[in-house]
């Protein structure tokens, strides 16, 4: 039996970046490239850089994990395929 392991790249970044910022476009492109190369993307799951990378990966058909915190009232970004909720600390 051949076992395969997923290759995961974790991207955490600022949440205040918007679509108008060049950093958003760069993170979006990184997400696209990683998804095209077969990587799963793991982000903090919320806005800004993490949304951009998640969006880029999803638009290329990639899998996107979001590490979300139960203590946050904000909704995670809509580009996640899976959410991993963490306890409040």
PDB file of N, CA and C in Angstrom:
ATOM      1  N   UNK A   1       0.844  -1.165   0.000  1.00  0.00           N
ATOM      2  CA  UNK A   1       0.000   0.000   0.000  1.00  0.00           C
ATOM      3  C   UNK A   1       0.898   1.240   0.000  1.00  0.00           C
ATOM      4  N   UNK A   2       0.568   2.183  -0.855  1.00  0.00           N
ATOM      5  CA  UNK A   2       1.309   3.430  -0.929  1.00  0.00           C
ATOM      6  C   UNK A   2       0.549   4.492  -0.148  1.00  0.00           C
ATOM      7  N   UNK A   3       1.233   5.101   0.807  1.00  0.00           N
ATOM      8  CA  UNK A   3       0.626   6.163   1.598  1.00  0.00           C
ATOM      9  C   UNK A   3       1.012   7.513   1.020  1.00  0.00           C
ATOM     10  N   UNK A   4       0.041   8.383   0.911  1.00  0.00           N
ATOM     11  CA  UNK A   4       0.349   9.736   0.457  1.00  0.00           C
ATOM     12  C   UNK A   4       0.078  10.709   1.594  1.00  0.00           C
ATOM     13  N   UNK A   5       0.902  11.700   1.667  1.00  0.00           N
ATOM     14  CA  UNK A   5       0.721  12.724   2.685  1.00  0.00           C
ATOM     15  C   UNK A   5       0.440  14.046   1.993  1.00  0.00           C
ATOM     16  N   UNK A   6      -0.493  14.789   2.570  1.00  0.00           N
ATOM     17  CA  UNK A   6      -0.769  16.121   2.040  1.00  0.00           C
ATOM     18  C   UNK A   6       0.387  17.043   2.370  1.00  0.00           C
ATOM     19  N   UNK A   7       0.665  17.923   1.446  1.00  0.00           N
ATOM     20  CA  UNK A   7       1.672  18.956   1.682  1.00  0.00           C
ATOM     21  C   UNK A   7       0.908  20.227   2.036  1.00  0.00           C
ATOM     22  N   UNK A   8       1.181  20.752   3.212  1.00  0.00           N
ATOM     23  CA  UNK A   8       0.445  21.904   3.720  1.00  0.00           C
ATOM     24  C   UNK A   8       1.402  23.073   3.930  1.00  0.00           C
ATOM     25  N   UNK A   9       0.986  24.238   3.450  1.00  0.00           N
ATOM     26  CA  UNK A   9       1.718  25.476   3.692  1.00  0.00           C
ATOM     27  C   UNK A   9       0.830  26.370   4.540  1.00  0.00           C
ATOM     28  N   UNK A  10       1.375  26.874   5.637  1.00  0.00           N
ATOM     29  CA  UNK A  10       0.626  27.740   6.541  1.00  0.00           C
ATOM     30  C   UNK A  10       0.966  29.198   6.278  1.00  0.00           C
ATOM     31  N   UNK A  11      -0.069  30.012   6.141  1.00  0.00           N
ATOM     32  CA  UNK A  11       0.107  31.440   5.883  1.00  0.00           C
ATOM     33  C   UNK A  11      -0.679  32.221   6.923  1.00  0.00           C
ATOM     34  N   UNK A  12       0.038  32.987   7.723  1.00  0.00           N
ATOM     35  CA  UNK A  12      -0.606  33.890   8.675  1.00  0.00           C
ATOM     36  C   UNK A  12      -0.129  35.293   8.347  1.00  0.00           C
ATOM     37  N   UNK A  13      -1.032  36.240   8.388  1.00  0.00           N
ATOM     38  CA  UNK A  13      -0.664  37.612   8.082  1.00  0.00           C
ATOM     39  C   UNK A  13      -1.681  38.563   8.666  1.00  0.00           C
ATOM     40  N   UNK A  14      -1.446  39.820   8.439  1.00  0.00           N
ATOM     41  CA  UNK A  14      -2.315  40.862   8.967  1.00  0.00           C
ATOM     42  C   UNK A  14      -3.733  40.776   8.438  1.00  0.00           C
ATOM     43  N   UNK A  15      -4.672  41.144   9.286  1.00  0.00           N
ATOM     44  CA  UNK A  15      -6.085  41.079   8.902  1.00  0.00           C
ATOM     45  C   UNK A  15      -6.626  42.420   8.416  1.00  0.00           C
ATOM     46  N   UNK A  16      -5.837  43.471   8.467  1.00  0.00           N
ATOM     47  CA  UNK A  16      -6.335  44.800   8.089  1.00  0.00           C
ATOM     48  C   UNK A  16      -6.080  45.149   6.629  1.00  0.00           C
ATOM     49  N   UNK A  17      -5.392  44.319   5.942  1.00  0.00           N
ATOM     50  CA  UNK A  17      -5.121  44.517   4.519  1.00  0.00           C
ATOM     51  C   UNK A  17      -6.431  44.349   3.741  1.00  0.00           C
ATOM     52  N   UNK A  18      -6.637  45.164   2.698  1.00  0.00           N
ATOM     53  CA  UNK A  18      -7.850  45.070   1.883  1.00  0.00           C
ATOM     54  C   UNK A  18      -7.497  44.722   0.442  1.00  0.00           C
ATOM     55  N   UNK A  19      -8.522  44.451  -0.345  1.00  0.00           N
ATOM     56  CA  UNK A  19      -8.312  44.120  -1.763  1.00  0.00           C
ATOM     57  C   UNK A  19      -7.570  45.213  -2.521  1.00  0.00           C
ATOM     58  N   UNK A  20      -7.630  46.443  -2.046  1.00  0.00           N
ATOM     59  CA  UNK A  20      -6.971  47.566  -2.716  1.00  0.00           C
ATOM     60  C   UNK A  20      -5.458  47.604  -2.461  1.00  0.00           C
ATOM     61  N   UNK A  21      -4.981  46.850  -1.483  1.00  0.00           N
ATOM     62  CA  UNK A  21      -3.567  46.875  -1.120  1.00  0.00           C
ATOM     63  C   UNK A  21      -2.751  45.905  -1.979  1.00  0.00           C
ATOM     64  N   UNK A  22      -1.526  46.284  -2.341  1.00  0.00           N
ATOM     65  CA  UNK A  22      -0.687  45.397  -3.149  1.00  0.00           C
ATOM     66  C   UNK A  22      -0.370  44.087  -2.427  1.00  0.00           C
ATOM     67  N   UNK A  23      -0.319  44.118  -1.112  1.00  0.00           N
ATOM     68  CA  UNK A  23      -0.039  42.898  -0.350  1.00  0.00           C
ATOM     69  C   UNK A  23      -1.159  41.866  -0.521  1.00  0.00           C
ATOM     70  N   UNK A  24      -2.377  42.344  -0.656  1.00  0.00           N
ATOM     71  CA  UNK A  24      -3.515  41.440  -0.872  1.00  0.00           C
ATOM     72  C   UNK A  24      -3.321  40.699  -2.194  1.00  0.00           C
ATOM     73  N   UNK A  25      -2.974  41.446  -3.233  1.00  0.00           N
ATOM     74  CA  UNK A  25      -2.754  40.837  -4.554  1.00  0.00           C
ATOM     75  C   UNK A  25      -1.604  39.833  -4.512  1.00  0.00           C
ATOM     76  N   UNK A  26      -0.562  40.168  -3.782  1.00  0.00           N
ATOM     77  CA  UNK A  26       0.578  39.259  -3.676  1.00  0.00           C
ATOM     78  C   UNK A  26       0.195  37.972  -2.944  1.00  0.00           C
ATOM     79  N   UNK A  27      -0.535  38.095  -1.852  1.00  0.00           N
ATOM     80  CA  UNK A  27      -0.962  36.915  -1.097  1.00  0.00           C
ATOM     81  C   UNK A  27      -1.934  36.068  -1.919  1.00  0.00           C
ATOM     82  N   UNK A  28      -2.794  36.727  -2.674  1.00  0.00           N
ATOM     83  CA  UNK A  28      -3.729  36.030  -3.563  1.00  0.00           C
ATOM     84  C   UNK A  28      -2.945  35.187  -4.569  1.00  0.00           C
ATOM     85  N   UNK A  29      -1.922  35.779  -5.150  1.00  0.00           N
ATOM     86  CA  UNK A  29      -1.102  35.069  -6.148  1.00  0.00           C
ATOM     87  C   UNK A  29      -0.350  33.907  -5.517  1.00  0.00           C
ATOM     88  N   UNK A  30       0.160  34.092  -4.321  1.00  0.00           N
ATOM     89  CA  UNK A  30       0.841  33.001  -3.615  1.00  0.00           C
ATOM     90  C   UNK A  30      -0.121  31.843  -3.400  1.00  0.00           C
ATOM     91  N   UNK A  31      -1.347  32.142  -2.985  1.00  0.00           N
ATOM     92  CA  UNK A  31      -2.360  31.104  -2.807  1.00  0.00           C
ATOM     93  C   UNK A  31      -2.630  30.353  -4.096  1.00  0.00           C
ATOM     94  N   UNK A  32      -2.743  31.083  -5.203  1.00  0.00           N
ATOM     95  CA  UNK A  32      -2.955  30.443  -6.511  1.00  0.00           C
ATOM     96  C   UNK A  32      -1.810  29.494  -6.855  1.00  0.00           C
ATOM     97  N   UNK A  33      -0.597  29.996  -6.733  1.00  0.00           N
ATOM     98  CA  UNK A  33       0.577  29.203  -7.105  1.00  0.00           C
ATOM     99  C   UNK A  33       0.713  27.950  -6.250  1.00  0.00           C
ATOM    100  N   UNK A  34       0.473  28.083  -4.953  1.00  0.00           N
ATOM    101  CA  UNK A  34       0.572  26.927  -4.073  1.00  0.00           C
ATOM    102  C   UNK A  34      -0.499  25.886  -4.385  1.00  0.00           C
ATOM    103  N   UNK A  35      -1.716  26.334  -4.645  1.00  0.00           N
ATOM    104  CA  UNK A  35      -2.790  25.397  -4.994  1.00  0.00           C
ATOM    105  C   UNK A  35      -2.474  24.688  -6.308  1.00  0.00           C
ATOM    106  N   UNK A  36      -1.985  25.436  -7.283  1.00  0.00           N
ATOM    107  CA  UNK A  36      -1.622  24.831  -8.574  1.00  0.00           C
ATOM    108  C   UNK A  36      -0.514  23.793  -8.421  1.00  0.00           C
ATOM    109  N   UNK A  37       0.352  24.000  -7.433  1.00  0.00           N
ATOM    110  CA  UNK A  37       1.448  23.060  -7.174  1.00  0.00           C
ATOM    111  C   UNK A  37       1.014  21.886  -6.291  1.00  0.00           C
ATOM    112  N   UNK A  38      -0.263  21.867  -5.896  1.00  0.00           N
ATOM    113  CA  UNK A  38      -0.789  20.740  -5.135  1.00  0.00           C
ATOM    114  C   UNK A  38      -0.725  20.871  -3.630  1.00  0.00           C
ATOM    115  N   UNK A  39      -0.425  22.057  -3.130  1.00  0.00           N
ATOM    116  CA  UNK A  39      -0.360  22.260  -1.686  1.00  0.00           C
ATOM    117  C   UNK A  39      -1.734  22.586  -1.115  1.00  0.00           C
ATOM    118  N   UNK A  40      -1.976  22.149   0.110  1.00  0.00           N
ATOM    119  CA  UNK A  40      -3.118  22.578   0.896  1.00  0.00           C
ATOM    120  C   UNK A  40      -2.670  23.858   1.595  1.00  0.00           C
ATOM    121  N   UNK A  41      -3.551  24.854   1.652  1.00  0.00           N
ATOM    122  CA  UNK A  41      -3.245  26.108   2.322  1.00  0.00           C
ATOM    123  C   UNK A  41      -3.894  26.080   3.699  1.00  0.00           C
ATOM    124  N   UNK A  42      -3.159  26.513   4.700  1.00  0.00           N
ATOM    125  CA  UNK A  42      -3.690  26.641   6.056  1.00  0.00           C
ATOM    126  C   UNK A  42      -3.493  28.089   6.477  1.00  0.00           C
ATOM    127  N   UNK A  43      -4.579  28.753   6.886  1.00  0.00           N
ATOM    128  CA  UNK A  43      -4.507  30.157   7.289  1.00  0.00           C
ATOM    129  C   UNK A  43      -5.189  30.351   8.635  1.00  0.00           C
ATOM    130  N   UNK A  44      -5.113  31.578   9.111  1.00  0.00           N
ATOM    131  CA  UNK A  44      -5.830  31.933  10.331  1.00  0.00           C
ATOM    132  C   UNK A  44      -7.327  32.020  10.115  1.00  0.00           C
ATOM    133  N   UNK A  45      -7.733  31.993   8.851  1.00  0.00           N
ATOM    134  CA  UNK A  45      -9.146  31.886   8.539  1.00  0.00           C
ATOM    135  C   UNK A  45      -9.956  33.157   8.477  1.00  0.00           C
ATOM    136  N   UNK A  46      -9.343  34.287   8.770  1.00  0.00           N
ATOM    137  CA  UNK A  46     -10.136  35.511   8.787  1.00  0.00           C
ATOM    138  C   UNK A  46      -9.788  36.415   7.606  1.00  0.00           C
ATOM    139  N   UNK A  47      -9.658  37.692   7.806  1.00  0.00           N
ATOM    140  CA  UNK A  47      -9.551  38.658   6.713  1.00  0.00           C
ATOM    141  C   UNK A  47      -8.111  38.959   6.303  1.00  0.00           C
ATOM    142  N   UNK A  48      -7.968  39.943   5.434  1.00  0.00           N
ATOM    143  CA  UNK A  48      -6.663  40.449   5.037  1.00  0.00           C
ATOM    144  C   UNK A  48      -5.832  39.458   4.242  1.00  0.00           C
ATOM    145  N   UNK A  49      -4.578  39.324   4.635  1.00  0.00           N
ATOM    146  CA  UNK A  49      -3.636  38.440   3.952  1.00  0.00           C
ATOM    147  C   UNK A  49      -4.152  37.006   3.945  1.00  0.00           C
ATOM    148  N   UNK A  50      -4.739  36.577   5.061  1.00  0.00           N
ATOM    149  CA  UNK A  50      -5.230  35.202   5.163  1.00  0.00           C
ATOM    150  C   UNK A  50      -6.394  34.962   4.211  1.00  0.00           C
ATOM    151  N   UNK A  51      -7.279  35.933   4.072  1.00  0.00           N
ATOM    152  CA  UNK A  51      -8.377  35.816   3.103  1.00  0.00           C
ATOM    153  C   UNK A  51      -7.833  35.785   1.678  1.00  0.00           C
ATOM    154  N   UNK A  52      -6.870  36.647   1.393  1.00  0.00           N
ATOM    155  CA  UNK A  52      -6.313  36.721   0.042  1.00  0.00           C
ATOM    156  C   UNK A  52      -5.685  35.399  -0.376  1.00  0.00           C
ATOM    157  N   UNK A  53      -4.876  34.814   0.489  1.00  0.00           N
ATOM    158  CA  UNK A  53      -4.242  33.533   0.177  1.00  0.00           C
ATOM    159  C   UNK A  53      -5.292  32.432   0.045  1.00  0.00           C
ATOM    160  N   UNK A  54      -6.278  32.443   0.935  1.00  0.00           N
ATOM    161  CA  UNK A  54      -7.363  31.459   0.883  1.00  0.00           C
ATOM    162  C   UNK A  54      -8.135  31.582  -0.420  1.00  0.00           C
ATOM    163  N   UNK A  55      -8.440  32.798  -0.785  1.00  0.00           N
ATOM    164  CA  UNK A  55      -9.202  33.065  -2.009  1.00  0.00           C
ATOM    165  C   UNK A  55      -8.436  32.598  -3.246  1.00  0.00           C
ATOM    166  N   UNK A  56      -7.154  32.945  -3.308  1.00  0.00           N
ATOM    167  CA  UNK A  56      -6.343  32.529  -4.448  1.00  0.00           C
ATOM    168  C   UNK A  56      -6.314  31.018  -4.598  1.00  0.00           C
ATOM    169  N   UNK A  57      -6.145  30.328  -3.477  1.00  0.00           N
ATOM    170  CA  UNK A  57      -6.099  28.868  -3.513  1.00  0.00           C
ATOM    171  C   UNK A  57      -7.443  28.273  -3.935  1.00  0.00           C
ATOM    172  N   UNK A  58      -8.532  28.762  -3.355  1.00  0.00           N
ATOM    173  CA  UNK A  58      -9.867  28.240  -3.693  1.00  0.00           C
ATOM    174  C   UNK A  58     -10.215  28.484  -5.143  1.00  0.00           C
ATOM    175  N   UNK A  59      -9.859  29.653  -5.659  1.00  0.00           N
ATOM    176  CA  UNK A  59     -10.174  29.961  -7.062  1.00  0.00           C
ATOM    177  C   UNK A  59      -9.444  29.034  -8.025  1.00  0.00           C
ATOM    178  N   UNK A  60      -8.385  28.396  -7.549  1.00  0.00           N
ATOM    179  CA  UNK A  60      -7.648  27.418  -8.363  1.00  0.00           C
ATOM    180  C   UNK A  60      -8.002  25.989  -7.979  1.00  0.00           C
ATOM    181  N   UNK A  61      -9.066  25.838  -7.188  1.00  0.00           N
ATOM    182  CA  UNK A  61      -9.543  24.502  -6.831  1.00  0.00           C
ATOM    183  C   UNK A  61      -8.823  23.859  -5.664  1.00  0.00           C
ATOM    184  N   UNK A  62      -8.061  24.638  -4.920  1.00  0.00           N
ATOM    185  CA  UNK A  62      -7.297  24.091  -3.804  1.00  0.00           C
ATOM    186  C   UNK A  62      -8.111  23.924  -2.540  1.00  0.00           C
ATOM    187  N   UNK A  63      -7.555  23.152  -1.624  1.00  0.00           N
ATOM    188  CA  UNK A  63      -8.149  22.950  -0.306  1.00  0.00           C
ATOM    189  C   UNK A  63      -7.568  23.987   0.641  1.00  0.00           C
ATOM    190  N   UNK A  64      -8.434  24.586   1.477  1.00  0.00           N
ATOM    191  CA  UNK A  64      -8.007  25.646   2.388  1.00  0.00           C
ATOM    192  C   UNK A  64      -8.509  25.348   3.797  1.00  0.00           C
ATOM    193  N   UNK A  65      -7.571  25.172   4.712  1.00  0.00           N
ATOM    194  CA  UNK A  65      -7.901  24.966   6.116  1.00  0.00           C
ATOM    195  C   UNK A  65      -7.844  26.307   6.831  1.00  0.00           C
ATOM    196  N   UNK A  66      -8.789  26.557   7.708  1.00  0.00           N
ATOM    197  CA  UNK A  66      -8.778  27.773   8.511  1.00  0.00           C
ATOM    198  C   UNK A  66      -8.733  27.427   9.979  1.00  0.00           C
ATOM    199  N   UNK A  67      -7.730  27.925  10.683  1.00  0.00           N
ATOM    200  CA  UNK A  67      -7.636  27.734  12.129  1.00  0.00           C
ATOM    201  C   UNK A  67      -8.390  28.906  12.761  1.00  0.00           C
ATOM    202  N   UNK A  68      -9.559  28.632  13.278  1.00  0.00           N
ATOM    203  CA  UNK A  68     -10.414  29.697  13.796  1.00  0.00           C
ATOM    204  C   UNK A  68     -10.539  29.569  15.314  1.00  0.00           C
ATOM    205  N   UNK A  69     -10.740  30.697  15.944  1.00  0.00           N
ATOM    206  CA  UNK A  69     -10.832  30.720  17.403  1.00  0.00           C
ATOM    207  C   UNK A  69     -12.275  30.929  17.842  1.00  0.00           C
ATOM    208  N   UNK A  70     -12.737  30.088  18.714  1.00  0.00           N
ATOM    209  CA  UNK A  70     -14.115  30.181  19.202  1.00  0.00           C
ATOM    210  C   UNK A  70     -14.411  31.502  19.892  1.00  0.00           C
ATOM    211  N   UNK A  71     -13.388  32.151  20.434  1.00  0.00           N
ATOM    212  CA  UNK A  71     -13.609  33.396  21.178  1.00  0.00           C
ATOM    213  C   UNK A  71     -13.885  34.578  20.263  1.00  0.00           C
ATOM    214  N   UNK A  72     -13.558  34.476  18.981  1.00  0.00           N
ATOM    215  CA  UNK A  72     -13.805  35.578  18.058  1.00  0.00           C
ATOM    216  C   UNK A  72     -15.269  35.594  17.634  1.00  0.00           C
ATOM    217  N   UNK A  73     -15.826  36.776  17.590  1.00  0.00           N
ATOM    218  CA  UNK A  73     -17.215  36.924  17.146  1.00  0.00           C
ATOM    219  C   UNK A  73     -17.301  36.994  15.621  1.00  0.00           C
ATOM    220  N   UNK A  74     -16.216  37.383  14.970  1.00  0.00           N
ATOM    221  CA  UNK A  74     -16.198  37.538  13.513  1.00  0.00           C
ATOM    222  C   UNK A  74     -16.324  36.185  12.811  1.00  0.00           C
ATOM    223  N   UNK A  75     -16.961  36.218  11.666  1.00  0.00           N
ATOM    224  CA  UNK A  75     -17.080  35.024  10.843  1.00  0.00           C
ATOM    225  C   UNK A  75     -15.790  34.809  10.056  1.00  0.00           C
ATOM    226  N   UNK A  76     -15.351  33.561   9.907  1.00  0.00           N
ATOM    227  CA  UNK A  76     -14.189  33.284   9.076  1.00  0.00           C
ATOM    228  C   UNK A  76     -14.464  33.660   7.616  1.00  0.00           C
ATOM    229  N   UNK A  77     -13.409  33.782   6.834  1.00  0.00           N
ATOM    230  CA  UNK A  77     -13.623  34.132   5.432  1.00  0.00           C
ATOM    231  C   UNK A  77     -14.326  33.005   4.680  1.00  0.00           C
ATOM    232  N   UNK A  78     -14.966  33.341   3.609  1.00  0.00           N
ATOM    233  CA  UNK A  78     -15.829  32.397   2.880  1.00  0.00           C
ATOM    234  C   UNK A  78     -15.072  31.444   1.963  1.00  0.00           C
ATOM    235  N   UNK A  79     -13.752  31.558   1.905  1.00  0.00           N
ATOM    236  CA  UNK A  79     -12.968  30.741   0.991  1.00  0.00           C
ATOM    237  C   UNK A  79     -12.428  29.464   1.629  1.00  0.00           C
ATOM    238  N   UNK A  80     -12.742  29.226   2.891  1.00  0.00           N
ATOM    239  CA  UNK A  80     -12.257  28.025   3.573  1.00  0.00           C
ATOM    240  C   UNK A  80     -13.027  26.803   3.104  1.00  0.00           C
ATOM    241  N   UNK A  81     -12.324  25.690   2.967  1.00  0.00           N
ATOM    242  CA  UNK A  81     -13.005  24.429   2.697  1.00  0.00           C
ATOM    243  C   UNK A  81     -13.209  23.655   3.998  1.00  0.00           C
ATOM    244  N   UNK A  82     -12.326  23.887   4.974  1.00  0.00           N
ATOM    245  CA  UNK A  82     -12.408  23.208   6.270  1.00  0.00           C
ATOM    246  C   UNK A  82     -12.058  24.196   7.375  1.00  0.00           C
ATOM    247  N   UNK A  83     -12.742  24.082   8.502  1.00  0.00           N
ATOM    248  CA  UNK A  83     -12.441  24.920   9.663  1.00  0.00           C
ATOM    249  C   UNK A  83     -11.969  24.033  10.808  1.00  0.00           C
ATOM    250  N   UNK A  84     -10.919  24.467  11.476  1.00  0.00           N
ATOM    251  CA  UNK A  84     -10.426  23.794  12.662  1.00  0.00           C
ATOM    252  C   UNK A  84     -10.569  24.798  13.802  1.00  0.00           C
ATOM    253  N   UNK A  85     -11.535  24.559  14.670  1.00  0.00           N
ATOM    254  CA  UNK A  85     -11.814  25.486  15.769  1.00  0.00           C
ATOM    255  C   UNK A  85     -10.908  25.184  16.952  1.00  0.00           C
ATOM    256  N   UNK A  86     -10.382  26.246  17.551  1.00  0.00           N
ATOM    257  CA  UNK A  86      -9.543  26.094  18.737  1.00  0.00           C
ATOM    258  C   UNK A  86     -10.279  26.650  19.945  1.00  0.00           C
ATOM    259  N   UNK A  87      -9.910  26.137  21.086  1.00  0.00           N
ATOM    260  CA  UNK A  87     -10.527  26.596  22.337  1.00  0.00           C
ATOM    261  C   UNK A  87      -9.975  27.962  22.715  1.00  0.00           C
ATOM    262  N   UNK A  88     -10.708  28.650  23.554  1.00  0.00           N
ATOM    263  CA  UNK A  88     -10.281  29.968  24.047  1.00  0.00           C
ATOM    264  C   UNK A  88      -9.192  29.785  25.096  1.00  0.00           C
ATOM    265  N   UNK A  89      -8.136  30.580  24.971  1.00  0.00           N
ATOM    266  CA  UNK A  89      -7.047  30.556  25.964  1.00  0.00           C
ATOM    267  C   UNK A  89      -6.681  31.944  26.349  1.00  0.00           C
TER     268      UNK A  89
END
